[in-house]
Amino acid sequence: MFGYSADELIGEPFADHCIPSDLQAGHWAGLLRIVAGGEPRILGRRIEQRAVRRGGDEFPVELTVTRVSEDPLLFTGFVRDLSDVRVAESRQTRMEHILAEAEALAQMGSWALDLQTGEATWSEGMYRIYGLQPSAAEPSVELVVEMTHPEDRERVREILRLVVERPEDVPKAGVSFEYRLVRGDGLVRDVRARGRVEHDPAGKPLRWVGAGHDVTDERLSERELVAHYAVSQALREWVSFDEGVVGLLRRLGTALDMAVGALWTPREEDLLTCRAFWRAPDLEFGEFEAATRRTSFRLGQGVPGRAWQTRQPIVVLDLAGDATFRRRHAVTRLGLQSGLAFPAVHDDQVIAVLTFYSVDPRPPSERLLRTLSSIGSQLGRFLSRRRADLEERRLSPRELDVLRLAAEGNTGPEIAERLVISPATVKTHFENIYEKLGVTDKAAAVAYALRVGLIH
C-alpha cells in the first residue's frame, strides 16, 4: 500500500514514512497525550485521513484504531486505501469486514436466532470461539447445549428454553450469562455472553441476537493473580507443617480451579514421595489419595519426576493418554483429565514438588507457566528454612503393628498382650503415631492409615 518492503519499515516510526508532514505534529501530540494517561480521540471510530506513499504521492485512507490491551498499552490500527473504492460499494460490506477483524482481535463473536423459524446465524468470530469451521457445522440451539460443559449445561438449556418458548418474558435489557464450552478437541473455553430479544413495531418477538466473548485468557490472568495472593496468605498463616502445607495446597488448588493437589519431597534414596495431600470438598478421591501416597518417583519419572529433573513447570492435558503417568487407571475412573507439576526451588536445589489435577483439560499459557515458576521460587525460599519439617515421618514396624491391631478392634491392654509389651509402651507408641500422622486420637489414626494404605 505504501510502497515499502517489510524490512524497510518494521521498527521504524510510522509517521516518518506514511503520514504527510503537515499532519505529523498532530500525530506525535496525540501519542504523547495517550502515554501521559489521556484517552485517544480517534478510538473506536472510522476516520478518513490523508496518507503518503513512497515518493511523496498522497492518497486517502480509512483508519480504525482499536485498543488491544492496557498493560502493556497496545493499539492496532487498520488502514484501508480508499483510492480505488468503487462508488457502488456498500457501507454494509465495509462494516462487515471491519467487524470480522474486530471480532478476531477481541476474541468475540455474534449470533442471531430467528424466533419464528428457529434458524440460527453465527458470525465468523462465533465459529472461531467454538473451534468450528462454518462449513462443518450448522449453528443451532441444540449445538450450543451439546457443546456446553456438563456442569453448566442445564443452566444454559434453561436460558435458551426461556428465549425460544417464552421470549416475551426475557428482560428488555437482555440476559447476561457465563458458561464453559467444550470444543471438539476436548479443550474447555470460558465464554461470557449477552443477548436480547428484538421485536417488530407491534411488539412481536422476532430475533434473539447477542454476542459471545471468549474470556479464557482473562480467567487465566485472574487465576494467576489469585494464585499469588493464595500462596501469600497460606504462608502468612503457616503455624505448623501439617496444617500449613494442607492450607497451602487448598488455597492454591482452589485458586487454580483444581480438584486435588499433593506436595512431594525428595528422599535420600533419590525418590520423590508424597508428603501431603489435599482434595476439594465433596469429591471422593480416597482411592487416588491412597495410590498417590503409595507411589514414589525417581528423577525424570512421571509428571512429578519431570518437574524435579527439569526444575520447570510441567503441564499434561491428557493424563489418561500419558504413558508415563503411573496412576492412569485411578484418574480415568475419577474423571481427572489434566494436571500440572512445578518445583519449589532454592539455590538451584529442588526443595519440594507440587502437583495439581483437574477434571477439565485446560491449556497452559506462557503467563501461567511464569507464574508457577515465580511461586515455586517463593515456596523454595520459605520451605528451605523448614527442611526438618519436610522429612517424611514414617511409622516404625512396631507402630504399624500397634495400628493394625487397633484397626481390628483391640484395646490397649489387648494390644500389649498380643505384642508382649507393657500397656505403657502401647500408650507411647500411640502418642508417636498421633504426632507422625497429625491426628489426635486412635479412631482418627486408624481411619487415616486405612485411607492412605498404611494398613489394610
Protein backbone atom coordinates (compact mmCIF):
# COMPACT_ATOMS: atom_id res chain seq x y z
CA MET A 1 0.00 0.00 0.00
CA PHE A 2 2.73 2.47 0.93
CA GLY A 3 5.37 1.22 -1.47
CA TYR A 4 7.81 -0.24 1.06
CA SER A 5 9.00 -3.72 1.92
CA ALA A 6 8.57 -5.11 5.43
CA ASP A 7 12.33 -4.97 6.06
CA GLU A 8 12.35 -1.25 5.30
CA LEU A 9 9.56 -0.31 7.72
CA ILE A 10 9.48 -2.76 10.64
CA GLY A 11 10.93 -0.98 13.68
CA GLU A 12 10.67 2.48 12.08
CA PRO A 13 8.34 5.28 13.30
CA PHE A 14 5.21 5.04 11.14
CA ALA A 15 4.78 8.81 10.91
CA ASP A 16 8.21 9.41 9.36
CA HIS A 17 7.27 7.45 6.26
CA CYS A 18 3.49 7.29 5.89
CA ILE A 19 1.92 10.48 7.35
CA PRO A 20 2.07 13.79 5.43
CA SER A 21 4.43 16.35 7.00
CA ASP A 22 1.60 18.78 7.87
CA LEU A 23 -0.16 16.06 9.94
CA GLN A 24 2.86 14.71 11.82
CA ALA A 25 2.78 17.26 14.65
CA GLY A 26 -0.79 16.27 15.50
CA HIS A 27 0.15 12.58 15.36
CA TRP A 28 3.01 12.96 17.84
CA ALA A 29 0.92 15.19 20.13
CA GLY A 30 -1.77 12.50 20.25
CA LEU A 31 0.75 9.79 21.16
CA LEU A 32 2.23 11.93 23.95
CA ARG A 33 -1.27 12.56 25.33
CA ILE A 34 -2.00 8.80 25.42
CA VAL A 35 1.30 7.96 27.15
CA ALA A 36 0.51 10.65 29.74
CA GLY A 37 -2.79 8.91 30.53
CA GLY A 38 -5.16 10.70 28.19
CA GLU A 39 -7.82 8.98 26.10
CA PRO A 40 -7.32 8.56 22.35
CA ARG A 41 -9.70 10.83 20.44
CA ILE A 42 -9.96 8.50 17.44
CA LEU A 43 -10.54 5.24 19.31
CA GLY A 44 -13.39 3.05 18.12
CA ARG A 45 -14.47 5.01 15.02
CA ARG A 46 -13.56 5.14 11.35
CA ILE A 47 -11.61 8.18 10.22
CA GLU A 48 -10.75 9.26 6.70
CA GLN A 49 -7.23 10.64 6.56
CA ARG A 50 -4.52 11.57 4.10
CA ALA A 51 -1.51 9.29 3.80
CA VAL A 52 1.66 9.47 1.74
CA ARG A 53 3.27 6.77 -0.39
CA ARG A 54 6.93 6.29 -1.10
CA GLY A 55 7.88 9.07 -3.47
CA GLY A 56 5.57 11.64 -1.85
CA ASP A 57 2.22 10.88 -3.52
CA GLU A 58 -0.69 11.48 -1.15
CA PHE A 59 -3.79 9.25 -1.12
CA PRO A 60 -6.92 8.93 1.07
CA VAL A 61 -7.15 6.13 3.63
CA GLU A 62 -9.68 4.91 6.14
CA LEU A 63 -8.19 4.43 9.63
CA THR A 64 -9.66 2.42 12.51
CA VAL A 65 -7.79 2.23 15.83
CA THR A 66 -8.59 -0.44 18.43
CA ARG A 67 -7.23 -0.79 21.95
CA VAL A 68 -5.79 -4.33 22.29
CA SER A 69 -4.55 -4.28 25.91
CA GLU A 70 -3.99 -1.95 28.84
CA ASP A 71 -0.74 -3.43 30.18
CA PRO A 72 1.31 -3.16 28.09
CA LEU A 73 -0.54 -0.33 26.33
CA LEU A 74 -1.15 -1.63 22.80
CA PHE A 75 -3.26 -0.37 19.91
CA THR A 76 -3.88 -1.85 16.47
CA GLY A 77 -4.63 0.35 13.50
CA PHE A 78 -6.47 -0.87 10.41
CA VAL A 79 -5.59 1.19 7.33
CA ARG A 80 -7.59 0.92 4.12
CA ASP A 81 -6.68 2.53 0.82
CA LEU A 82 -9.77 4.43 -0.44
CA SER A 83 -8.22 5.49 -3.73
CA ASP A 84 -9.99 2.90 -5.86
CA VAL A 85 -13.07 2.28 -3.76
CA ARG A 86 -15.94 1.84 -6.12
CA VAL A 87 -18.85 4.22 -5.66
CA ALA A 88 -21.22 1.27 -5.69
CA GLU A 89 -19.52 -0.49 -2.76
CA SER A 90 -21.98 -0.55 0.09
CA ARG A 91 -21.35 0.74 3.57
CA GLN A 92 -22.61 -2.61 4.88
CA THR A 93 -19.82 -4.52 3.12
CA ARG A 94 -17.15 -2.30 4.60
CA MET A 95 -18.61 -2.58 8.09
CA GLU A 96 -18.79 -6.37 7.87
CA HIS A 97 -15.10 -6.50 7.03
CA ILE A 98 -14.17 -4.26 9.95
CA LEU A 99 -16.46 -6.22 12.28
CA ALA A 100 -14.80 -9.51 11.33
CA GLU A 101 -11.36 -8.06 12.03
CA ALA A 102 -12.52 -6.54 15.32
CA GLU A 103 -14.12 -9.83 16.41
CA ALA A 104 -10.88 -11.68 15.74
CA LEU A 105 -8.87 -9.15 17.76
CA ALA A 106 -11.31 -9.08 20.66
CA GLN A 107 -11.97 -12.85 20.60
CA MET A 108 -15.67 -12.13 20.18
CA GLY A 109 -18.49 -13.45 18.03
CA SER A 110 -22.15 -12.66 17.41
CA TRP A 111 -25.30 -14.61 16.72
CA ALA A 112 -28.92 -14.22 15.63
CA LEU A 113 -31.75 -16.71 16.14
CA ASP A 114 -34.99 -16.30 14.19
CA LEU A 115 -37.70 -17.00 16.79
CA GLN A 116 -40.24 -17.81 14.09
CA THR A 117 -38.26 -20.32 12.02
CA GLY A 118 -35.61 -21.41 14.55
CA GLU A 119 -32.85 -20.64 12.03
CA ALA A 120 -29.60 -19.53 13.66
CA THR A 121 -26.79 -17.45 12.17
CA TRP A 122 -23.28 -17.11 13.55
CA SER A 123 -20.52 -14.69 12.66
CA GLU A 124 -17.05 -15.99 11.85
CA GLY A 125 -15.99 -14.98 15.36
CA MET A 126 -18.61 -17.26 16.93
CA TYR A 127 -17.40 -20.22 14.89
CA ARG A 128 -13.86 -19.35 15.98
CA ILE A 129 -14.82 -19.37 19.67
CA TYR A 130 -16.36 -22.82 19.30
CA GLY A 131 -13.39 -24.11 17.31
CA LEU A 132 -15.60 -24.95 14.31
CA GLN A 133 -15.40 -24.33 10.59
CA PRO A 134 -18.52 -22.63 9.13
CA SER A 135 -18.77 -25.38 6.51
CA ALA A 136 -18.55 -28.16 9.13
CA ALA A 137 -21.41 -27.26 11.48
CA GLU A 138 -24.88 -25.77 11.30
CA PRO A 139 -25.44 -23.39 14.23
CA SER A 140 -28.44 -24.21 16.42
CA VAL A 141 -29.74 -24.15 19.98
CA GLU A 142 -29.09 -27.89 20.17
CA LEU A 143 -25.44 -27.44 19.14
CA VAL A 144 -24.88 -24.82 21.84
CA VAL A 145 -26.38 -27.06 24.53
CA GLU A 146 -24.45 -30.10 23.31
CA MET A 147 -21.09 -28.28 23.43
CA THR A 148 -21.72 -26.66 26.81
CA HIS A 149 -19.74 -28.08 29.71
CA PRO A 150 -21.82 -30.77 31.53
CA GLU A 151 -21.79 -28.77 34.78
CA ASP A 152 -23.19 -25.67 33.01
CA ARG A 153 -25.44 -27.42 30.50
CA GLU A 154 -28.73 -27.38 32.42
CA ARG A 155 -28.39 -23.68 33.28
CA VAL A 156 -27.71 -22.74 29.65
CA ARG A 157 -30.53 -25.02 28.47
CA GLU A 158 -32.99 -23.21 30.76
CA ILE A 159 -31.91 -19.79 29.44
CA LEU A 160 -32.34 -20.88 25.84
CA ARG A 161 -35.66 -22.58 26.61
CA LEU A 162 -36.94 -19.29 28.04
CA VAL A 163 -35.81 -17.44 24.91
CA VAL A 164 -37.38 -19.91 22.49
CA GLU A 165 -40.60 -20.78 24.35
CA ARG A 166 -41.36 -17.56 26.25
CA PRO A 167 -39.43 -14.73 24.57
CA GLU A 168 -41.94 -12.20 25.92
CA ASP A 169 -40.60 -12.98 29.42
CA VAL A 170 -36.99 -12.17 28.55
CA PRO A 171 -36.00 -8.85 30.22
CA LYS A 172 -35.93 -5.96 27.77
CA ALA A 173 -32.41 -5.10 28.89
CA GLY A 174 -31.30 -8.55 27.79
CA VAL A 175 -29.70 -11.51 29.55
CA SER A 176 -26.03 -11.86 30.53
CA PHE A 177 -24.52 -15.20 31.50
CA GLU A 178 -21.22 -17.05 31.58
CA TYR A 179 -20.61 -20.67 30.77
CA ARG A 180 -17.92 -23.11 29.72
CA LEU A 181 -17.93 -24.85 26.37
CA VAL A 182 -16.03 -28.00 25.46
CA ARG A 183 -14.52 -27.95 21.98
CA GLY A 184 -14.20 -30.99 19.78
CA ASP A 185 -10.52 -31.34 20.79
CA GLY A 186 -11.58 -31.51 24.44
CA LEU A 187 -10.30 -28.08 25.45
CA VAL A 188 -12.52 -26.02 27.73
CA ARG A 189 -13.16 -22.34 26.98
CA ASP A 190 -14.80 -19.75 29.22
CA VAL A 191 -17.43 -17.65 27.45
CA ARG A 192 -19.26 -14.51 28.55
CA ALA A 193 -22.49 -13.99 26.57
CA ARG A 194 -25.14 -11.29 26.38
CA GLY A 195 -28.29 -11.47 24.30
CA ARG A 196 -31.60 -9.66 23.89
CA VAL A 197 -34.86 -10.20 22.03
CA GLU A 198 -35.67 -7.90 19.11
CA HIS A 199 -39.36 -7.07 18.47
CA ASP A 200 -41.30 -5.79 15.47
CA PRO A 201 -43.23 -2.46 15.65
CA ALA A 202 -46.25 -4.33 17.05
CA GLY A 203 -44.17 -5.80 19.87
CA LYS A 204 -43.97 -9.34 18.47
CA PRO A 205 -40.66 -11.12 19.27
CA LEU A 206 -38.57 -11.56 16.10
CA ARG A 207 -34.98 -12.49 16.87
CA TRP A 208 -32.68 -13.42 19.70
CA VAL A 209 -29.43 -11.54 18.99
CA GLY A 210 -26.27 -11.22 21.00
CA ALA A 211 -22.55 -11.58 21.33
CA GLY A 212 -20.18 -14.03 22.95
CA HIS A 213 -16.75 -13.18 24.30
CA ASP A 214 -14.03 -15.80 24.85
CA VAL A 215 -12.71 -14.78 28.28
CA THR A 216 -10.48 -17.82 28.81
CA ASP A 217 -7.29 -15.74 28.77
CA GLU A 218 -8.92 -13.22 31.09
CA ARG A 219 -9.85 -16.01 33.52
CA LEU A 220 -6.30 -17.38 33.35
CA SER A 221 -4.93 -13.96 34.23
CA GLU A 222 -7.35 -13.74 37.15
CA ARG A 223 -6.27 -17.18 38.35
CA GLU A 224 -2.63 -16.14 38.20
CA LEU A 225 -3.27 -13.11 40.42
CA VAL A 226 -5.43 -15.14 42.81
CA ALA A 227 -2.75 -17.86 42.94
CA HIS A 228 -0.10 -15.35 44.05
CA TYR A 229 -2.44 -13.99 46.70
CA ALA A 230 -3.41 -17.51 47.85
CA VAL A 231 0.23 -18.50 48.39
CA SER A 232 0.99 -15.29 50.27
CA GLN A 233 -2.00 -15.86 52.55
CA ALA A 234 -1.09 -19.52 53.16
CA LEU A 235 2.49 -18.69 54.09
CA ARG A 236 1.36 -15.82 56.31
CA GLU A 237 -0.96 -18.16 58.24
CA TRP A 238 1.57 -21.02 58.42
CA VAL A 239 1.91 -22.25 62.01
CA SER A 240 2.85 -25.92 61.78
CA PHE A 241 3.88 -28.01 58.79
CA ASP A 242 0.95 -30.44 58.85
CA GLU A 243 -1.65 -27.65 58.92
CA GLY A 244 0.34 -25.18 56.84
CA VAL A 245 1.03 -27.47 53.89
CA VAL A 246 -2.60 -28.58 53.62
CA GLY A 247 -3.69 -24.93 53.78
CA LEU A 248 -1.21 -24.11 51.04
CA LEU A 249 -2.48 -26.91 48.78
CA ARG A 250 -6.10 -25.97 49.47
CA ARG A 251 -5.66 -22.27 48.74
CA LEU A 252 -3.51 -22.75 45.67
CA GLY A 253 -5.62 -25.60 44.30
CA THR A 254 -8.79 -23.55 44.69
CA ALA A 255 -7.17 -20.54 43.02
CA LEU A 256 -6.07 -22.66 40.05
CA ASP A 257 -9.51 -24.35 39.85
CA MET A 258 -8.03 -27.77 40.55
CA ALA A 259 -9.65 -30.78 42.22
CA VAL A 260 -6.71 -32.44 44.02
CA GLY A 261 -3.18 -31.49 44.98
CA ALA A 262 -0.13 -33.01 46.60
CA LEU A 263 3.29 -31.96 47.85
CA TRP A 264 6.24 -34.27 47.20
CA THR A 265 9.67 -34.20 48.81
CA PRO A 266 12.98 -35.84 47.75
CA ARG A 267 14.40 -38.58 49.96
CA GLU A 268 17.97 -39.76 50.38
CA GLU A 269 17.35 -42.70 48.03
CA ASP A 270 16.72 -40.24 45.19
CA LEU A 271 12.99 -40.88 45.40
CA LEU A 272 10.20 -38.35 45.38
CA THR A 273 7.48 -39.28 47.90
CA CYS A 274 4.12 -37.74 48.78
CA ARG A 275 4.33 -35.67 51.96
CA ALA A 276 0.85 -34.12 51.93
CA PHE A 277 -2.42 -34.49 50.01
CA TRP A 278 -5.48 -32.26 49.51
CA ARG A 279 -8.77 -32.74 47.69
CA ALA A 280 -11.65 -30.37 47.00
CA PRO A 281 -14.69 -30.68 49.29
CA ASP A 282 -17.46 -33.10 48.33
CA LEU A 283 -15.18 -35.06 45.99
CA GLU A 284 -14.42 -38.71 46.61
CA PHE A 285 -10.74 -39.14 45.85
CA GLY A 286 -9.84 -41.62 48.59
CA GLU A 287 -8.65 -44.19 46.05
CA PHE A 288 -6.47 -41.63 44.27
CA GLU A 289 -5.06 -40.37 47.58
CA ALA A 290 -4.12 -43.92 48.62
CA ALA A 291 -2.49 -44.55 45.24
CA THR A 292 -0.65 -41.23 45.45
CA ARG A 293 0.72 -41.87 48.92
CA ARG A 294 1.93 -45.33 47.91
CA THR A 295 3.66 -44.04 44.77
CA SER A 296 7.20 -42.70 44.56
CA PHE A 297 9.08 -41.27 41.59
CA ARG A 298 12.69 -41.26 40.54
CA LEU A 299 14.35 -38.30 38.87
CA GLY A 300 12.68 -37.69 35.49
CA GLN A 301 9.96 -40.29 36.11
CA GLY A 302 6.30 -39.30 35.77
CA VAL A 303 4.93 -35.77 36.00
CA PRO A 304 6.43 -35.01 39.46
CA GLY A 305 9.76 -36.56 38.49
CA ARG A 306 10.00 -34.49 35.29
CA ALA A 307 9.36 -31.28 37.22
CA TRP A 308 12.03 -32.41 39.70
CA GLN A 309 14.53 -33.07 36.93
CA THR A 310 13.89 -30.01 34.74
CA ARG A 311 13.24 -27.54 37.59
CA GLN A 312 10.46 -26.21 35.37
CA PRO A 313 6.64 -26.41 35.45
CA ILE A 314 5.20 -29.43 33.62
CA VAL A 315 1.65 -29.45 32.20
CA VAL A 316 -0.19 -32.56 30.94
CA LEU A 317 -3.50 -32.04 29.11
CA ASP A 318 -4.40 -35.74 28.77
CA LEU A 319 -3.50 -37.76 31.85
CA ALA A 320 -5.14 -40.95 30.59
CA GLY A 321 -3.17 -40.73 27.36
CA ASP A 322 0.17 -40.04 29.04
CA ALA A 323 2.10 -43.32 29.00
CA THR A 324 4.40 -42.04 31.79
CA PHE A 325 1.54 -41.39 34.21
CA ARG A 326 1.54 -44.29 36.67
CA ARG A 327 -1.94 -43.75 38.16
CA ARG A 328 -3.84 -43.70 34.85
CA HIS A 329 -6.48 -46.22 35.93
CA ALA A 330 -7.32 -44.17 39.02
CA VAL A 331 -7.58 -40.86 37.14
CA THR A 332 -9.73 -42.45 34.43
CA ARG A 333 -12.26 -43.71 36.97
CA LEU A 334 -12.30 -40.36 38.77
CA GLY A 335 -12.59 -38.26 35.60
CA LEU A 336 -9.34 -36.33 36.13
CA GLN A 337 -8.13 -35.11 32.76
CA SER A 338 -5.27 -32.63 33.09
CA GLY A 339 -2.53 -31.92 35.57
CA LEU A 340 0.48 -29.80 36.33
CA ALA A 341 3.57 -30.02 38.47
CA PHE A 342 6.09 -27.37 39.46
CA PRO A 343 9.13 -27.42 41.75
CA ALA A 344 9.83 -25.29 44.80
CA VAL A 345 13.44 -24.28 44.14
CA HIS A 346 16.00 -22.51 46.32
CA ASP A 347 19.70 -22.07 45.49
CA ASP A 348 19.21 -24.28 42.42
CA GLN A 349 18.00 -27.13 44.63
CA VAL A 350 14.52 -28.62 44.47
CA ILE A 351 13.07 -28.48 47.99
CA ALA A 352 9.67 -29.94 47.02
CA VAL A 353 7.40 -30.55 44.03
CA LEU A 354 3.71 -29.57 43.97
CA THR A 355 1.21 -31.36 41.73
CA PHE A 356 -2.41 -30.48 40.96
CA TYR A 357 -5.04 -32.22 38.83
CA SER A 358 -8.28 -31.02 37.25
CA VAL A 359 -11.42 -32.59 35.82
CA ASP A 360 -11.13 -30.21 32.84
CA PRO A 361 -8.38 -30.05 30.21
CA ARG A 362 -7.04 -26.51 30.49
CA PRO A 363 -4.26 -25.44 28.10
CA PRO A 364 -1.37 -23.62 29.80
CA SER A 365 -0.48 -20.06 28.94
CA GLU A 366 3.03 -18.63 28.98
CA ARG A 367 1.94 -16.31 31.77
CA LEU A 368 0.67 -19.22 33.87
CA LEU A 369 3.97 -21.07 33.48
CA ARG A 370 5.86 -17.94 34.51
CA THR A 371 3.53 -17.56 37.48
CA LEU A 372 4.14 -21.13 38.61
CA SER A 373 7.90 -20.60 38.32
CA SER A 374 7.63 -17.44 40.42
CA ILE A 375 5.50 -19.21 43.04
CA GLY A 376 8.00 -22.09 43.04
CA SER A 377 10.83 -19.68 43.88
CA GLN A 378 8.76 -18.10 46.66
CA LEU A 379 7.92 -21.50 48.15
CA GLY A 380 11.51 -22.68 47.76
CA ARG A 381 12.78 -19.83 49.91
CA PHE A 382 10.08 -20.45 52.50
CA LEU A 383 10.43 -24.25 52.70
CA SER A 384 14.23 -24.20 52.72
CA ARG A 385 14.02 -22.79 56.25
CA ARG A 386 11.79 -25.71 57.27
CA ARG A 387 13.74 -28.67 55.91
CA ALA A 388 13.32 -30.64 59.12
CA ASP A 389 9.53 -30.50 58.76
CA LEU A 390 9.76 -31.79 55.20
CA GLU A 391 11.33 -35.08 56.24
CA GLU A 392 8.85 -37.91 55.91
CA ARG A 393 7.57 -39.15 59.25
CA ARG A 394 7.33 -42.87 58.59
CA LEU A 395 5.83 -45.25 61.11
CA SER A 396 8.14 -47.89 62.53
CA PRO A 397 7.28 -51.58 62.04
CA ARG A 398 6.19 -51.80 65.69
CA GLU A 399 3.96 -48.73 65.33
CA LEU A 400 2.35 -50.29 62.26
CA ASP A 401 1.71 -53.49 64.28
CA VAL A 402 0.02 -51.44 67.01
CA LEU A 403 -2.10 -49.62 64.43
CA ARG A 404 -3.16 -52.86 62.69
CA LEU A 405 -4.30 -54.41 65.97
CA ALA A 406 -6.19 -51.23 66.86
CA ALA A 407 -7.91 -51.38 63.47
CA GLU A 408 -9.06 -54.93 64.32
CA GLY A 409 -10.80 -53.56 67.41
CA ASN A 410 -8.27 -54.50 70.09
CA THR A 411 -7.98 -52.36 73.22
CA GLY A 412 -4.70 -51.05 74.62
CA PRO A 413 -4.27 -53.92 77.12
CA GLU A 414 -5.16 -56.46 74.43
CA ILE A 415 -2.57 -54.98 72.06
CA ALA A 416 0.01 -55.12 74.85
CA GLU A 417 -0.77 -58.79 75.46
CA ARG A 418 -0.65 -59.68 71.75
CA LEU A 419 2.71 -57.94 71.24
CA VAL A 420 4.12 -58.96 74.63
CA ILE A 421 4.82 -55.39 75.69
CA SER A 422 3.56 -53.24 78.55
CA PRO A 423 0.42 -51.05 78.29
CA ALA A 424 2.65 -48.03 78.94
CA THR A 425 4.69 -48.90 75.85
CA VAL A 426 1.49 -49.22 73.79
CA LYS A 427 0.46 -45.76 75.01
CA THR A 428 3.85 -44.35 73.98
CA HIS A 429 3.51 -45.92 70.53
CA PHE A 430 0.09 -44.31 70.10
CA GLU A 431 1.44 -40.89 71.11
CA ASN A 432 4.19 -41.21 68.49
CA ILE A 433 1.65 -42.34 65.88
CA TYR A 434 -0.60 -39.35 66.59
CA GLU A 435 2.31 -36.93 66.18
CA LYS A 436 3.55 -38.51 62.95
CA LEU A 437 0.12 -38.70 61.33
CA GLY A 438 -1.06 -35.32 62.57
CA VAL A 439 -4.14 -36.71 64.38
CA THR A 440 -5.35 -36.57 67.98
CA ASP A 441 -6.94 -39.95 68.77
CA LYS A 442 -6.93 -43.66 67.97
CA ALA A 443 -10.02 -43.59 65.71
CA ALA A 444 -8.59 -40.80 63.57
CA ALA A 445 -5.23 -42.60 63.31
CA VAL A 446 -6.87 -45.85 62.18
CA ALA A 447 -9.12 -44.06 59.68
CA TYR A 448 -6.18 -42.14 58.20
CA ALA A 449 -3.98 -45.23 57.95
CA LEU A 450 -6.68 -47.21 56.20
CA ARG A 451 -7.49 -44.37 53.81
CA VAL A 452 -3.91 -43.84 52.65
CA GLY A 453 -2.98 -47.54 52.59
CA LEU A 454 -0.59 -47.69 55.55
CA ILE A 455 -2.54 -50.71 56.81
CA HIS A 456 -5.10 -52.99 55.15
